[in-house]
Amino acid sequence: MFYAGFALNASMKSAKNCEIERLEDVGDIWAFCFRKPKPGWRLFGRFIERDAFVAVAGYDRHDLVGGNYSALAMSAIADLDARFPQLPVHTGAALQDYITGPMLDMD
């Protein structure tokens, strides 16, 4: 369970003020969004099973402007796949397929 039982704002697509979101149009890549202290950070990774998220790279929000967001996310996942080719990729159709416990669906 994430956040030691506290509610988590989550989205299957980009949503304002989300704490974890699945990126759009880049496969099954997720970002944990740490917004404070500013400018914030993003941790890219993927789920390998329900409630099991593997973070692979973190970036200062300033590093992700100007079209770098998707490119850096895909690069991080390519690095994960190269290092751990047998690591499973968990997929689902709804947030509950990825995360259990208290959650606010931002979709």
C-alpha atoms as a PDB file:
ATOM      1  CA  MET A   1       0.000   0.000   0.000  1.00  0.00           C
ATOM      2  CA  PHE A   2       1.237   3.490  -0.803  1.00  0.00           C
ATOM      3  CA  TYR A   3       1.684   6.352   1.621  1.00  0.00           C
ATOM      4  CA  ALA A   4       1.318   4.230   4.758  1.00  0.00           C
ATOM      5  CA  GLY A   5      -2.454   4.079   4.416  1.00  0.00           C
ATOM      6  CA  PHE A   6      -3.074   7.720   3.512  1.00  0.00           C
ATOM      7  CA  ALA A   7      -5.273   8.465   0.500  1.00  0.00           C
ATOM      8  CA  LEU A   8      -3.431   8.812  -2.793  1.00  0.00           C
ATOM      9  CA  ASN A   9      -4.610  11.025  -5.668  1.00  0.00           C
ATOM     10  CA  ALA A  10      -4.289   8.871  -8.778  1.00  0.00           C
ATOM     11  CA  SER A  11      -5.158   9.006 -12.469  1.00  0.00           C
ATOM     12  CA  MET A  12      -5.049   6.722 -15.481  1.00  0.00           C
ATOM     13  CA  LYS A  13      -4.147   9.833 -17.503  1.00  0.00           C
ATOM     14  CA  SER A  14      -2.619  13.203 -16.731  1.00  0.00           C
ATOM     15  CA  ALA A  15      -4.682  15.098 -14.165  1.00  0.00           C
ATOM     16  CA  LYS A  16      -4.079  18.292 -12.239  1.00  0.00           C
ATOM     17  CA  ASN A  17      -2.658  17.776  -8.728  1.00  0.00           C
ATOM     18  CA  CYS A  18      -2.265  14.017  -9.150  1.00  0.00           C
ATOM     19  CA  GLU A  19       0.258  12.227  -6.971  1.00  0.00           C
ATOM     20  CA  ILE A  20       0.602   9.280  -9.348  1.00  0.00           C
ATOM     21  CA  GLU A  21      -0.468   9.187 -12.964  1.00  0.00           C
ATOM     22  CA  ARG A  22      -0.156   6.922 -15.954  1.00  0.00           C
ATOM     23  CA  LEU A  23       1.423   8.847 -18.793  1.00  0.00           C
ATOM     24  CA  GLU A  24      -0.563   9.197 -21.971  1.00  0.00           C
ATOM     25  CA  ASP A  25       0.599   7.798 -25.315  1.00  0.00           C
ATOM     26  CA  VAL A  26       3.861   6.261 -24.004  1.00  0.00           C
ATOM     27  CA  GLY A  27       2.849   2.759 -22.978  1.00  0.00           C
ATOM     28  CA  ASP A  28       2.431   1.662 -19.379  1.00  0.00           C
ATOM     29  CA  ILE A  29       4.743   4.253 -17.813  1.00  0.00           C
ATOM     30  CA  TRP A  30       3.753   5.960 -14.577  1.00  0.00           C
ATOM     31  CA  ALA A  31       4.972   9.071 -12.789  1.00  0.00           C
ATOM     32  CA  PHE A  32       4.926   9.804  -9.082  1.00  0.00           C
ATOM     33  CA  CYS A  33       4.501  13.572  -8.864  1.00  0.00           C
ATOM     34  CA  PHE A  34       6.137  15.308  -5.921  1.00  0.00           C
ATOM     35  CA  ARG A  35       5.023  18.918  -6.195  1.00  0.00           C
ATOM     36  CA  LYS A  36       6.629  20.380  -3.077  1.00  0.00           C
ATOM     37  CA  PRO A  37       9.111  21.844  -2.539  1.00  0.00           C
ATOM     38  CA  LYS A  38       8.901  23.678  -5.853  1.00  0.00           C
ATOM     39  CA  PRO A  39       9.681  23.087  -8.649  1.00  0.00           C
ATOM     40  CA  GLY A  40       8.837  19.479  -7.742  1.00  0.00           C
ATOM     41  CA  TRP A  41      10.108  16.107  -8.914  1.00  0.00           C
ATOM     42  CA  ARG A  42       8.844  13.265 -11.047  1.00  0.00           C
ATOM     43  CA  LEU A  43       9.731   9.628 -10.473  1.00  0.00           C
ATOM     44  CA  PHE A  44       9.187   7.471 -13.563  1.00  0.00           C
ATOM     45  CA  GLY A  45       8.574   3.749 -13.385  1.00  0.00           C
ATOM     46  CA  ARG A  46       6.068   0.983 -13.889  1.00  0.00           C
ATOM     47  CA  PHE A  47       4.046  -1.509 -11.938  1.00  0.00           C
ATOM     48  CA  ILE A  48       5.328  -5.077 -11.924  1.00  0.00           C
ATOM     49  CA  GLU A  49       2.260  -6.325 -10.047  1.00  0.00           C
ATOM     50  CA  ARG A  50      -0.618  -4.812  -8.155  1.00  0.00           C
ATOM     51  CA  ASP A  51       0.732  -2.469  -5.456  1.00  0.00           C
ATOM     52  CA  ALA A  52       4.346  -3.039  -6.588  1.00  0.00           C
ATOM     53  CA  PHE A  53       5.823   0.010  -8.336  1.00  0.00           C
ATOM     54  CA  VAL A  54       9.429   0.039  -9.544  1.00  0.00           C
ATOM     55  CA  ALA A  55      10.830   3.564  -9.846  1.00  0.00           C
ATOM     56  CA  VAL A  56      13.673   3.852 -12.309  1.00  0.00           C
ATOM     57  CA  ALA A  57      14.518   7.558 -12.662  1.00  0.00           C
ATOM     58  CA  GLY A  58      13.767  10.842 -10.932  1.00  0.00           C
ATOM     59  CA  TYR A  59      13.874  14.294 -12.481  1.00  0.00           C
ATOM     60  CA  ASP A  60      13.586  17.865 -11.307  1.00  0.00           C
ATOM     61  CA  ARG A  61      10.459  19.327 -12.909  1.00  0.00           C
ATOM     62  CA  HIS A  62      12.589  21.963 -14.684  1.00  0.00           C
ATOM     63  CA  ASP A  63      14.412  19.190 -16.579  1.00  0.00           C
ATOM     64  CA  LEU A  64      11.126  17.992 -18.094  1.00  0.00           C
ATOM     65  CA  VAL A  65       9.968  21.119 -19.939  1.00  0.00           C
ATOM     66  CA  GLY A  66      10.015  21.595 -23.678  1.00  0.00           C
ATOM     67  CA  GLY A  67       9.049  18.102 -24.801  1.00  0.00           C
ATOM     68  CA  ASN A  68      11.519  16.276 -22.549  1.00  0.00           C
ATOM     69  CA  TYR A  69       8.820  14.693 -20.372  1.00  0.00           C
ATOM     70  CA  SER A  70       7.834  11.781 -22.619  1.00  0.00           C
ATOM     71  CA  ALA A  71      11.338  11.320 -24.027  1.00  0.00           C
ATOM     72  CA  LEU A  72      12.914  11.023 -20.565  1.00  0.00           C
ATOM     73  CA  ALA A  73      10.119   8.727 -19.358  1.00  0.00           C
ATOM     74  CA  MET A  74      10.593   6.377 -22.313  1.00  0.00           C
ATOM     75  CA  SER A  75      14.372   6.478 -21.885  1.00  0.00           C
ATOM     76  CA  ALA A  76      14.030   5.559 -18.210  1.00  0.00           C
ATOM     77  CA  ILE A  77      11.809   2.580 -19.031  1.00  0.00           C
ATOM     78  CA  ALA A  78      14.153   1.457 -21.837  1.00  0.00           C
ATOM     79  CA  ASP A  79      16.964   1.495 -19.271  1.00  0.00           C
ATOM     80  CA  LEU A  80      14.845  -0.551 -16.851  1.00  0.00           C
ATOM     81  CA  ASP A  81      14.054  -3.087 -19.593  1.00  0.00           C
ATOM     82  CA  ALA A  82      17.731  -3.365 -20.559  1.00  0.00           C
ATOM     83  CA  ARG A  83      18.862  -3.916 -16.960  1.00  0.00           C
ATOM     84  CA  PHE A  84      16.060  -6.294 -15.975  1.00  0.00           C
ATOM     85  CA  PRO A  85      14.672  -7.923 -19.131  1.00  0.00           C
ATOM     86  CA  GLN A  86      12.704 -10.541 -17.176  1.00  0.00           C
ATOM     87  CA  LEU A  87      10.890  -7.985 -14.999  1.00  0.00           C
ATOM     88  CA  PRO A  88       7.143  -8.390 -15.577  1.00  0.00           C
ATOM     89  CA  VAL A  89       4.978  -5.515 -16.811  1.00  0.00           C
ATOM     90  CA  HIS A  90       1.659  -5.228 -15.006  1.00  0.00           C
ATOM     91  CA  THR A  91      -1.235  -3.776 -16.979  1.00  0.00           C
ATOM     92  CA  GLY A  92      -4.809  -3.001 -16.163  1.00  0.00           C
ATOM     93  CA  ALA A  93      -7.906  -1.156 -17.288  1.00  0.00           C
ATOM     94  CA  ALA A  94      -8.700   0.709 -14.048  1.00  0.00           C
ATOM     95  CA  LEU A  95      -6.803   2.237 -11.132  1.00  0.00           C
ATOM     96  CA  GLN A  96      -7.959  -0.598  -8.878  1.00  0.00           C
ATOM     97  CA  ASP A  97      -6.002  -2.980 -11.127  1.00  0.00           C
ATOM     98  CA  TYR A  98      -2.820  -1.174 -10.032  1.00  0.00           C
ATOM     99  CA  ILE A  99      -3.439   0.237  -6.567  1.00  0.00           C
ATOM    100  CA  THR A 100      -5.414  -1.005  -3.583  1.00  0.00           C
ATOM    101  CA  GLY A 101      -6.171   0.892  -0.441  1.00  0.00           C
ATOM    102  CA  PRO A 102      -7.370   4.458   0.015  1.00  0.00           C
ATOM    103  CA  MET A 103      -7.319   6.357  -3.249  1.00  0.00           C
ATOM    104  CA  LEU A 104      -8.982   9.354  -4.839  1.00  0.00           C
ATOM    105  CA  ASP A 105      -9.645   8.683  -8.526  1.00  0.00           C
ATOM    106  CA  MET A 106      -8.888  11.967 -10.331  1.00  0.00           C
ATOM    107  CA  ASP A 107     -10.316  10.802 -13.682  1.00  0.00           C
END
